[in-house]
Amino acid sequence: MLNEKVVCAGFGGQGVMSMGKLLTYAGMIEDKQVSWLPSYGPEMRGGTANCAVMVSDTLIGSPIIEKDATTVIAMNLPSLIKFEEELVPGGKLFINSSLIERKAQRDDIEVYYVPANEIAVSLGTGKAANMVMLGAYLEVTKTVKSETVIEAFKKVFGPTKAHLVPLNENALLKGAEAVK
């Protein structure tokens, strides 16, 4: 039974909200129950940002994730420090090792170190680091299909961003390869 509770966290401008939105929208497309709860500082770009995403086969009672996250995706060190403790034992922690040198402090969770920024830069833009991390997450959890995320991308960002679809498909693929 699917009951994913994901915290995506980083600083404004890293695409944390987009990552969560795409995961949520893809879950809707696949007929799953979903919720997306954003949280960010008033300074936006450069400030703290995180979102709580739930994707489930059953109804979701509350969109709040509190000490029961099944996955944390940490794009920067402050996010790792803040949210590592929110994981349940056996949960999954994805660390952007391009920006975070510190290792996970817990030994009761699964940890994946993904050099998301380096991979994104190798694809031509550092702005795709969020999609690299999303690809890694999807490879490990199989919460939704990568193809569905691309379908969601087209709907969320519309025809003006259609030229970015191949880049984002490649970023998802490279993220998946990073954790195989």
N, C-alpha and C. Protein backbone atom coordinates (compact mmCIF):
# COMPACT_ATOMS: atom_id res chain seq x y z
N MET A 1 0.84 -1.18 0.00
CA MET A 1 0.00 0.00 0.00
C MET A 1 0.88 1.24 0.00
N LEU A 2 0.55 2.19 -0.85
CA LEU A 2 1.31 3.42 -0.98
C LEU A 2 0.83 4.46 0.03
N ASN A 3 1.75 5.00 0.82
CA ASN A 3 1.44 6.09 1.74
C ASN A 3 2.71 6.91 1.95
N GLU A 4 3.10 7.65 0.91
CA GLU A 4 4.33 8.44 0.95
C GLU A 4 4.08 9.79 1.58
N LYS A 5 4.94 10.15 2.53
CA LYS A 5 4.92 11.46 3.16
C LYS A 5 6.30 12.07 2.95
N VAL A 6 6.39 13.01 2.02
CA VAL A 6 7.67 13.53 1.56
C VAL A 6 7.84 14.99 1.96
N VAL A 7 9.01 15.30 2.50
CA VAL A 7 9.38 16.69 2.75
C VAL A 7 10.46 17.05 1.74
N CYS A 8 10.19 18.03 0.89
CA CYS A 8 11.17 18.57 -0.06
C CYS A 8 11.63 19.90 0.53
N ALA A 9 12.93 20.07 0.74
CA ALA A 9 13.40 21.27 1.43
C ALA A 9 14.70 21.79 0.84
N GLY A 10 14.82 23.13 0.85
CA GLY A 10 16.02 23.78 0.36
C GLY A 10 15.87 25.28 0.56
N PHE A 11 16.51 26.06 -0.29
CA PHE A 11 16.31 27.49 -0.22
C PHE A 11 15.58 27.95 -1.48
N GLY A 12 14.94 29.11 -1.38
CA GLY A 12 14.18 29.64 -2.51
C GLY A 12 15.04 29.74 -3.75
N GLY A 13 14.50 29.30 -4.87
CA GLY A 13 15.23 29.33 -6.13
C GLY A 13 15.79 27.98 -6.53
N GLN A 14 15.72 26.99 -5.62
CA GLN A 14 16.22 25.64 -5.95
C GLN A 14 15.16 24.76 -6.59
N GLY A 15 13.96 25.28 -6.74
CA GLY A 15 12.90 24.49 -7.37
C GLY A 15 12.24 23.49 -6.44
N VAL A 16 12.33 23.73 -5.14
CA VAL A 16 11.75 22.83 -4.15
C VAL A 16 10.23 22.76 -4.30
N MET A 17 9.59 23.91 -4.46
CA MET A 17 8.14 23.93 -4.62
C MET A 17 7.71 23.25 -5.92
N SER A 18 8.47 23.49 -6.98
CA SER A 18 8.16 22.86 -8.27
C SER A 18 8.29 21.34 -8.17
N MET A 19 9.33 20.87 -7.48
CA MET A 19 9.52 19.44 -7.30
C MET A 19 8.30 18.83 -6.61
N GLY A 20 7.85 19.47 -5.54
CA GLY A 20 6.69 18.97 -4.81
C GLY A 20 5.42 19.04 -5.63
N LYS A 21 5.25 20.14 -6.36
CA LYS A 21 4.06 20.32 -7.20
C LYS A 21 3.99 19.25 -8.29
N LEU A 22 5.13 18.97 -8.91
CA LEU A 22 5.15 17.97 -9.99
C LEU A 22 4.85 16.58 -9.45
N LEU A 23 5.40 16.25 -8.29
CA LEU A 23 5.13 14.95 -7.67
C LEU A 23 3.64 14.83 -7.34
N THR A 24 3.08 15.90 -6.79
CA THR A 24 1.66 15.91 -6.44
C THR A 24 0.78 15.79 -7.68
N TYR A 25 1.07 16.58 -8.69
CA TYR A 25 0.27 16.57 -9.91
C TYR A 25 0.37 15.20 -10.60
N ALA A 26 1.56 14.61 -10.61
CA ALA A 26 1.74 13.28 -11.21
C ALA A 26 0.91 12.24 -10.44
N GLY A 27 0.87 12.37 -9.13
CA GLY A 27 0.03 11.48 -8.33
C GLY A 27 -1.44 11.61 -8.71
N MET A 28 -1.90 12.85 -8.93
CA MET A 28 -3.29 13.07 -9.36
C MET A 28 -3.55 12.41 -10.71
N ILE A 29 -2.62 12.58 -11.63
CA ILE A 29 -2.78 12.00 -12.97
C ILE A 29 -2.90 10.47 -12.86
N GLU A 30 -2.14 9.88 -11.93
CA GLU A 30 -2.18 8.42 -11.74
C GLU A 30 -3.31 7.99 -10.81
N ASP A 31 -4.24 8.88 -10.53
CA ASP A 31 -5.43 8.57 -9.75
C ASP A 31 -5.15 8.21 -8.29
N LYS A 32 -4.12 8.82 -7.73
CA LYS A 32 -3.80 8.61 -6.32
C LYS A 32 -4.36 9.78 -5.51
N GLN A 33 -4.44 9.60 -4.22
CA GLN A 33 -4.81 10.67 -3.31
C GLN A 33 -3.55 11.50 -3.06
N VAL A 34 -3.66 12.83 -3.08
CA VAL A 34 -2.47 13.67 -2.93
C VAL A 34 -2.76 14.90 -2.08
N SER A 35 -1.70 15.46 -1.51
CA SER A 35 -1.77 16.79 -0.90
C SER A 35 -0.40 17.45 -1.06
N TRP A 36 -0.41 18.78 -1.11
CA TRP A 36 0.80 19.58 -1.25
C TRP A 36 0.65 20.78 -0.34
N LEU A 37 1.56 20.93 0.61
CA LEU A 37 1.48 22.02 1.57
C LEU A 37 2.80 22.78 1.55
N PRO A 38 2.83 23.97 0.92
CA PRO A 38 4.08 24.75 0.83
C PRO A 38 4.35 25.54 2.11
N SER A 39 5.62 25.81 2.35
CA SER A 39 6.03 26.66 3.47
C SER A 39 7.32 27.36 3.06
N TYR A 40 7.32 28.69 3.12
CA TYR A 40 8.52 29.42 2.74
C TYR A 40 8.56 30.75 3.46
N GLY A 41 9.81 31.24 3.61
CA GLY A 41 10.02 32.52 4.26
C GLY A 41 9.59 33.67 3.36
N PRO A 42 9.40 34.85 3.93
CA PRO A 42 8.93 35.99 3.15
C PRO A 42 9.94 36.48 2.12
N GLU A 43 11.20 36.13 2.30
CA GLU A 43 12.21 36.62 1.37
C GLU A 43 12.27 35.81 0.08
N MET A 44 11.55 34.71 -0.01
CA MET A 44 11.49 33.84 -1.19
C MET A 44 12.87 33.43 -1.69
N ARG A 45 13.29 33.91 -2.88
CA ARG A 45 14.55 33.45 -3.47
C ARG A 45 15.70 33.65 -2.48
N GLY A 46 16.35 32.56 -2.13
CA GLY A 46 17.45 32.61 -1.17
C GLY A 46 17.01 32.33 0.25
N GLY A 47 15.71 32.46 0.56
CA GLY A 47 15.19 32.16 1.88
C GLY A 47 14.87 30.67 1.99
N THR A 48 14.45 30.24 3.15
CA THR A 48 14.13 28.83 3.33
C THR A 48 12.83 28.49 2.62
N ALA A 49 12.75 27.28 2.12
CA ALA A 49 11.55 26.82 1.43
C ALA A 49 11.42 25.32 1.63
N ASN A 50 10.21 24.87 1.89
CA ASN A 50 9.96 23.43 1.94
C ASN A 50 8.50 23.19 1.65
N CYS A 51 8.21 21.98 1.27
CA CYS A 51 6.82 21.60 1.07
C CYS A 51 6.63 20.16 1.53
N ALA A 52 5.43 19.91 2.03
CA ALA A 52 5.04 18.57 2.46
C ALA A 52 4.14 18.00 1.37
N VAL A 53 4.51 16.83 0.87
CA VAL A 53 3.75 16.17 -0.19
C VAL A 53 3.33 14.80 0.30
N MET A 54 2.08 14.49 0.09
CA MET A 54 1.59 13.14 0.39
C MET A 54 1.01 12.53 -0.87
N VAL A 55 1.36 11.28 -1.10
CA VAL A 55 0.82 10.52 -2.22
C VAL A 55 0.41 9.18 -1.63
N SER A 56 -0.87 8.85 -1.77
CA SER A 56 -1.39 7.67 -1.09
C SER A 56 -2.45 6.96 -1.92
N ASP A 57 -2.64 5.69 -1.62
CA ASP A 57 -3.73 4.92 -2.21
C ASP A 57 -5.03 5.14 -1.45
N THR A 58 -4.91 5.68 -0.22
CA THR A 58 -6.10 5.89 0.62
C THR A 58 -6.27 7.38 0.89
N LEU A 59 -7.42 7.74 1.42
CA LEU A 59 -7.70 9.14 1.72
C LEU A 59 -6.67 9.71 2.70
N ILE A 60 -6.35 10.99 2.54
CA ILE A 60 -5.39 11.67 3.38
C ILE A 60 -6.16 12.51 4.39
N GLY A 61 -5.92 12.27 5.67
CA GLY A 61 -6.65 12.96 6.71
C GLY A 61 -6.15 14.36 6.99
N SER A 62 -4.84 14.56 6.87
CA SER A 62 -4.24 15.86 7.15
C SER A 62 -3.00 16.03 6.28
N PRO A 63 -2.77 17.22 5.76
CA PRO A 63 -1.59 17.44 4.91
C PRO A 63 -0.31 17.70 5.71
N ILE A 64 -0.40 17.69 7.03
CA ILE A 64 0.74 18.03 7.87
C ILE A 64 1.61 16.81 8.13
N ILE A 65 2.91 16.97 7.91
CA ILE A 65 3.88 15.92 8.19
C ILE A 65 4.66 16.37 9.42
N GLU A 66 4.54 15.58 10.48
CA GLU A 66 5.19 15.96 11.73
C GLU A 66 5.82 14.73 12.35
N LYS A 67 7.13 14.62 12.23
CA LYS A 67 7.89 13.49 12.78
C LYS A 67 7.47 12.14 12.18
N ASP A 68 6.81 12.17 11.00
CA ASP A 68 6.41 10.91 10.38
C ASP A 68 6.64 10.90 8.87
N ALA A 69 7.65 11.65 8.43
CA ALA A 69 7.99 11.66 7.00
C ALA A 69 8.58 10.30 6.61
N THR A 70 8.15 9.80 5.46
CA THR A 70 8.75 8.57 4.94
C THR A 70 9.98 8.89 4.11
N THR A 71 10.03 10.14 3.60
CA THR A 71 11.17 10.60 2.79
C THR A 71 11.44 12.07 3.06
N VAL A 72 12.73 12.42 3.10
CA VAL A 72 13.15 13.81 3.13
C VAL A 72 14.13 14.01 1.98
N ILE A 73 13.89 15.05 1.18
CA ILE A 73 14.81 15.44 0.11
C ILE A 73 15.42 16.77 0.55
N ALA A 74 16.70 16.73 0.93
CA ALA A 74 17.39 17.91 1.44
C ALA A 74 18.31 18.48 0.37
N MET A 75 17.99 19.69 -0.08
CA MET A 75 18.77 20.33 -1.13
C MET A 75 19.92 21.18 -0.58
N ASN A 76 19.87 21.52 0.73
CA ASN A 76 20.96 22.30 1.34
C ASN A 76 21.13 21.89 2.80
N LEU A 77 22.23 22.32 3.42
CA LEU A 77 22.56 21.90 4.78
C LEU A 77 21.52 22.30 5.82
N PRO A 78 21.02 23.55 5.84
CA PRO A 78 20.01 23.87 6.84
C PRO A 78 18.78 22.95 6.76
N SER A 79 18.42 22.54 5.57
CA SER A 79 17.28 21.63 5.41
C SER A 79 17.59 20.25 5.96
N LEU A 80 18.80 19.77 5.74
CA LEU A 80 19.20 18.48 6.30
C LEU A 80 19.15 18.54 7.82
N ILE A 81 19.73 19.58 8.38
CA ILE A 81 19.76 19.73 9.84
C ILE A 81 18.33 19.78 10.40
N LYS A 82 17.46 20.52 9.75
CA LYS A 82 16.10 20.69 10.25
C LYS A 82 15.22 19.45 10.09
N PHE A 83 15.34 18.74 8.97
CA PHE A 83 14.35 17.71 8.66
C PHE A 83 14.82 16.27 8.82
N GLU A 84 16.09 16.00 9.04
CA GLU A 84 16.54 14.61 9.20
C GLU A 84 15.79 13.92 10.33
N GLU A 85 15.53 14.64 11.40
CA GLU A 85 14.84 14.06 12.56
C GLU A 85 13.35 13.82 12.31
N GLU A 86 12.81 14.39 11.23
CA GLU A 86 11.39 14.20 10.92
C GLU A 86 11.10 12.83 10.30
N LEU A 87 12.17 12.12 9.91
CA LEU A 87 12.00 10.82 9.26
C LEU A 87 11.63 9.72 10.24
N VAL A 88 10.74 8.84 9.80
CA VAL A 88 10.43 7.65 10.58
C VAL A 88 11.62 6.68 10.44
N PRO A 89 11.84 5.79 11.41
CA PRO A 89 12.86 4.75 11.24
C PRO A 89 12.58 3.97 9.96
N GLY A 90 13.61 3.74 9.18
CA GLY A 90 13.45 3.06 7.90
C GLY A 90 13.12 4.01 6.75
N GLY A 91 12.96 5.30 7.06
CA GLY A 91 12.66 6.30 6.04
C GLY A 91 13.85 6.53 5.11
N LYS A 92 13.60 7.30 4.07
CA LYS A 92 14.63 7.55 3.05
C LYS A 92 15.04 9.02 3.08
N LEU A 93 16.35 9.23 3.07
CA LEU A 93 16.90 10.58 3.08
C LEU A 93 17.74 10.77 1.83
N PHE A 94 17.36 11.76 1.02
CA PHE A 94 18.10 12.10 -0.20
C PHE A 94 18.84 13.40 0.07
N ILE A 95 20.17 13.35 -0.03
CA ILE A 95 21.02 14.50 0.28
C ILE A 95 21.68 14.99 -1.00
N ASN A 96 21.54 16.28 -1.27
CA ASN A 96 22.22 16.91 -2.41
C ASN A 96 23.70 17.06 -2.04
N SER A 97 24.49 16.07 -2.38
CA SER A 97 25.90 16.05 -1.98
C SER A 97 26.75 17.09 -2.71
N SER A 98 26.18 17.77 -3.70
CA SER A 98 26.89 18.88 -4.34
C SER A 98 27.04 20.06 -3.38
N LEU A 99 26.05 20.25 -2.51
CA LEU A 99 26.04 21.39 -1.60
C LEU A 99 26.18 21.00 -0.13
N ILE A 100 26.03 19.72 0.17
CA ILE A 100 26.06 19.27 1.57
C ILE A 100 27.21 18.28 1.74
N GLU A 101 28.19 18.66 2.53
CA GLU A 101 29.32 17.77 2.80
C GLU A 101 29.06 16.84 3.97
N ARG A 102 28.20 17.27 4.89
CA ARG A 102 27.90 16.48 6.08
C ARG A 102 27.19 15.19 5.74
N LYS A 103 27.50 14.15 6.47
CA LYS A 103 26.82 12.87 6.29
C LYS A 103 25.60 12.81 7.20
N ALA A 104 24.71 11.90 6.91
CA ALA A 104 23.53 11.71 7.74
C ALA A 104 23.97 11.30 9.14
N GLN A 105 23.23 11.74 10.14
CA GLN A 105 23.56 11.45 11.53
C GLN A 105 22.89 10.18 12.05
N ARG A 106 21.91 9.69 11.33
CA ARG A 106 21.15 8.53 11.80
C ARG A 106 21.57 7.27 11.07
N ASP A 107 21.46 6.14 11.77
CA ASP A 107 21.80 4.86 11.13
C ASP A 107 20.57 3.96 11.00
N ASP A 108 19.38 4.50 11.28
CA ASP A 108 18.16 3.72 11.17
C ASP A 108 17.33 4.13 9.95
N ILE A 109 17.98 4.78 8.97
CA ILE A 109 17.31 5.23 7.75
C ILE A 109 18.15 4.86 6.54
N GLU A 110 17.54 4.89 5.37
CA GLU A 110 18.27 4.69 4.11
C GLU A 110 18.72 6.07 3.62
N VAL A 111 19.99 6.18 3.24
CA VAL A 111 20.52 7.48 2.81
C VAL A 111 21.07 7.38 1.39
N TYR A 112 20.73 8.38 0.58
CA TYR A 112 21.19 8.45 -0.80
C TYR A 112 21.87 9.80 -1.01
N TYR A 113 23.13 9.76 -1.39
CA TYR A 113 23.89 10.99 -1.67
C TYR A 113 23.89 11.20 -3.17
N VAL A 114 23.27 12.29 -3.60
CA VAL A 114 23.11 12.56 -5.03
C VAL A 114 23.76 13.92 -5.35
N PRO A 115 24.79 13.94 -6.20
CA PRO A 115 25.42 15.22 -6.57
C PRO A 115 24.56 15.97 -7.59
N ALA A 116 23.41 16.41 -7.14
CA ALA A 116 22.38 16.96 -8.03
C ALA A 116 22.85 18.17 -8.83
N ASN A 117 23.54 19.10 -8.17
CA ASN A 117 23.99 20.29 -8.89
C ASN A 117 25.03 19.94 -9.95
N GLU A 118 25.95 19.07 -9.62
CA GLU A 118 26.98 18.66 -10.59
C GLU A 118 26.35 17.97 -11.80
N ILE A 119 25.39 17.09 -11.54
CA ILE A 119 24.72 16.39 -12.64
C ILE A 119 23.96 17.40 -13.50
N ALA A 120 23.25 18.32 -12.84
CA ALA A 120 22.48 19.33 -13.58
C ALA A 120 23.38 20.21 -14.44
N VAL A 121 24.51 20.63 -13.90
CA VAL A 121 25.46 21.46 -14.66
C VAL A 121 25.97 20.68 -15.88
N SER A 122 26.21 19.38 -15.69
CA SER A 122 26.67 18.55 -16.82
C SER A 122 25.62 18.46 -17.93
N LEU A 123 24.36 18.71 -17.57
CA LEU A 123 23.27 18.71 -18.56
C LEU A 123 23.09 20.06 -19.22
N GLY A 124 23.79 21.07 -18.70
CA GLY A 124 23.73 22.38 -19.32
C GLY A 124 23.17 23.49 -18.45
N THR A 125 22.58 23.12 -17.29
CA THR A 125 22.04 24.16 -16.41
C THR A 125 21.92 23.65 -14.98
N GLY A 126 22.38 24.44 -14.03
CA GLY A 126 22.24 24.09 -12.62
C GLY A 126 20.81 24.13 -12.15
N LYS A 127 19.93 24.75 -12.93
CA LYS A 127 18.53 24.88 -12.54
C LYS A 127 17.78 23.55 -12.55
N ALA A 128 18.36 22.51 -13.10
CA ALA A 128 17.70 21.21 -13.18
C ALA A 128 18.03 20.31 -11.99
N ALA A 129 18.72 20.83 -10.98
CA ALA A 129 19.11 20.00 -9.82
C ALA A 129 17.88 19.40 -9.13
N ASN A 130 16.79 20.16 -9.08
CA ASN A 130 15.58 19.64 -8.45
C ASN A 130 15.04 18.42 -9.20
N MET A 131 15.11 18.45 -10.52
CA MET A 131 14.62 17.33 -11.31
C MET A 131 15.54 16.12 -11.19
N VAL A 132 16.83 16.36 -11.01
CA VAL A 132 17.78 15.27 -10.77
C VAL A 132 17.40 14.57 -9.46
N MET A 133 17.15 15.36 -8.42
CA MET A 133 16.77 14.78 -7.13
C MET A 133 15.43 14.06 -7.22
N LEU A 134 14.49 14.62 -7.96
CA LEU A 134 13.19 13.96 -8.13
C LEU A 134 13.37 12.63 -8.86
N GLY A 135 14.24 12.60 -9.87
CA GLY A 135 14.51 11.35 -10.58
C GLY A 135 15.10 10.29 -9.67
N ALA A 136 16.02 10.69 -8.77
CA ALA A 136 16.60 9.76 -7.81
C ALA A 136 15.51 9.22 -6.88
N TYR A 137 14.68 10.12 -6.39
CA TYR A 137 13.59 9.73 -5.49
C TYR A 137 12.66 8.72 -6.17
N LEU A 138 12.27 9.01 -7.41
CA LEU A 138 11.35 8.13 -8.12
C LEU A 138 11.96 6.76 -8.39
N GLU A 139 13.24 6.72 -8.68
CA GLU A 139 13.92 5.44 -8.92
C GLU A 139 13.86 4.55 -7.68
N VAL A 140 14.06 5.15 -6.53
CA VAL A 140 14.09 4.37 -5.28
C VAL A 140 12.68 3.99 -4.82
N THR A 141 11.74 4.92 -4.89
CA THR A 141 10.43 4.69 -4.29
C THR A 141 9.35 4.20 -5.24
N LYS A 142 9.48 4.53 -6.52
CA LYS A 142 8.46 4.17 -7.52
C LYS A 142 7.08 4.74 -7.17
N THR A 143 7.05 5.89 -6.50
CA THR A 143 5.79 6.50 -6.08
C THR A 143 4.90 6.82 -7.28
N VAL A 144 5.48 7.43 -8.29
CA VAL A 144 4.81 7.67 -9.58
C VAL A 144 5.83 7.38 -10.67
N LYS A 145 5.35 7.32 -11.90
CA LYS A 145 6.25 7.07 -13.03
C LYS A 145 6.90 8.37 -13.50
N SER A 146 8.13 8.28 -13.97
CA SER A 146 8.83 9.45 -14.52
C SER A 146 8.06 10.04 -15.70
N GLU A 147 7.47 9.17 -16.50
CA GLU A 147 6.70 9.64 -17.65
C GLU A 147 5.52 10.51 -17.20
N THR A 148 4.94 10.15 -16.06
CA THR A 148 3.81 10.91 -15.55
C THR A 148 4.27 12.27 -15.04
N VAL A 149 5.48 12.32 -14.48
CA VAL A 149 6.03 13.61 -14.03
C VAL A 149 6.21 14.53 -15.23
N ILE A 150 6.67 14.00 -16.35
CA ILE A 150 6.83 14.81 -17.56
C ILE A 150 5.46 15.28 -18.07
N GLU A 151 4.47 14.40 -18.00
CA GLU A 151 3.11 14.80 -18.38
C GLU A 151 2.63 15.93 -17.47
N ALA A 152 2.92 15.81 -16.17
CA ALA A 152 2.55 16.85 -15.21
C ALA A 152 3.30 18.14 -15.51
N PHE A 153 4.58 18.03 -15.87
CA PHE A 153 5.39 19.20 -16.22
C PHE A 153 4.72 20.01 -17.34
N LYS A 154 4.27 19.29 -18.36
CA LYS A 154 3.63 19.95 -19.50
C LYS A 154 2.36 20.68 -19.08
N LYS A 155 1.60 20.08 -18.17
CA LYS A 155 0.35 20.70 -17.73
C LYS A 155 0.60 21.87 -16.77
N VAL A 156 1.55 21.69 -15.86
CA VAL A 156 1.83 22.73 -14.84
C VAL A 156 2.48 23.95 -15.48
N PHE A 157 3.46 23.74 -16.36
CA PHE A 157 4.23 24.86 -16.90
C PHE A 157 3.75 25.32 -18.28
N GLY A 158 2.91 24.52 -18.93
CA GLY A 158 2.29 24.94 -20.18
C GLY A 158 3.21 25.01 -21.38
N PRO A 159 2.68 25.49 -22.50
CA PRO A 159 3.40 25.49 -23.77
C PRO A 159 4.62 26.41 -23.78
N THR A 160 4.64 27.44 -22.93
CA THR A 160 5.79 28.36 -22.94
C THR A 160 7.07 27.68 -22.44
N LYS A 161 6.93 26.59 -21.68
CA LYS A 161 8.10 25.88 -21.16
C LYS A 161 8.30 24.52 -21.84
N ALA A 162 7.55 24.26 -22.90
CA ALA A 162 7.62 22.98 -23.61
C ALA A 162 9.04 22.68 -24.10
N HIS A 163 9.79 23.72 -24.44
CA HIS A 163 11.15 23.51 -24.93
C HIS A 163 12.07 22.93 -23.84
N LEU A 164 11.64 22.96 -22.58
CA LEU A 164 12.45 22.43 -21.47
C LEU A 164 12.16 20.96 -21.16
N VAL A 165 11.18 20.38 -21.85
CA VAL A 165 10.81 18.98 -21.59
C VAL A 165 11.98 18.02 -21.79
N PRO A 166 12.72 18.07 -22.90
CA PRO A 166 13.84 17.13 -23.07
C PRO A 166 14.90 17.25 -21.96
N LEU A 167 15.22 18.47 -21.57
CA LEU A 167 16.18 18.69 -20.49
C LEU A 167 15.69 18.04 -19.20
N ASN A 168 14.43 18.24 -18.88
CA ASN A 168 13.87 17.69 -17.64
C ASN A 168 13.75 16.18 -17.69
N GLU A 169 13.43 15.62 -18.84
CA GLU A 169 13.42 14.15 -18.99
C GLU A 169 14.80 13.60 -18.72
N ASN A 170 15.81 14.26 -19.28
CA ASN A 170 17.19 13.82 -19.09
C ASN A 170 17.62 13.95 -17.63
N ALA A 171 17.19 15.03 -16.97
CA ALA A 171 17.54 15.23 -15.57
C ALA A 171 16.93 14.13 -14.70
N LEU A 172 15.69 13.76 -14.95
CA LEU A 172 15.06 12.65 -14.22
C LEU A 172 15.83 11.35 -14.43
N LEU A 173 16.22 11.10 -15.67
CA LEU A 173 16.97 9.89 -16.01
C LEU A 173 18.33 9.86 -15.30
N LYS A 174 19.05 10.97 -15.33
CA LYS A 174 20.38 11.03 -14.69
C LYS A 174 20.26 10.90 -13.17
N GLY A 175 19.20 11.45 -12.60
CA GLY A 175 18.97 11.29 -11.17
C GLY A 175 18.73 9.83 -10.81
N ALA A 176 17.95 9.16 -11.63
CA ALA A 176 17.68 7.72 -11.42
C ALA A 176 18.98 6.92 -11.52
N GLU A 177 19.79 7.25 -12.50
CA GLU A 177 21.07 6.53 -12.68
C GLU A 177 21.99 6.74 -11.48
N ALA A 178 21.90 7.89 -10.83
CA ALA A 178 22.79 8.21 -9.70
C ALA A 178 22.54 7.33 -8.49
N VAL A 179 21.37 6.72 -8.39
CA VAL A 179 21.07 5.88 -7.22
C VAL A 179 20.94 4.40 -7.56
N LYS A 180 21.22 4.03 -8.80
CA LYS A 180 21.13 2.62 -9.19
C LYS A 180 22.33 1.85 -8.67
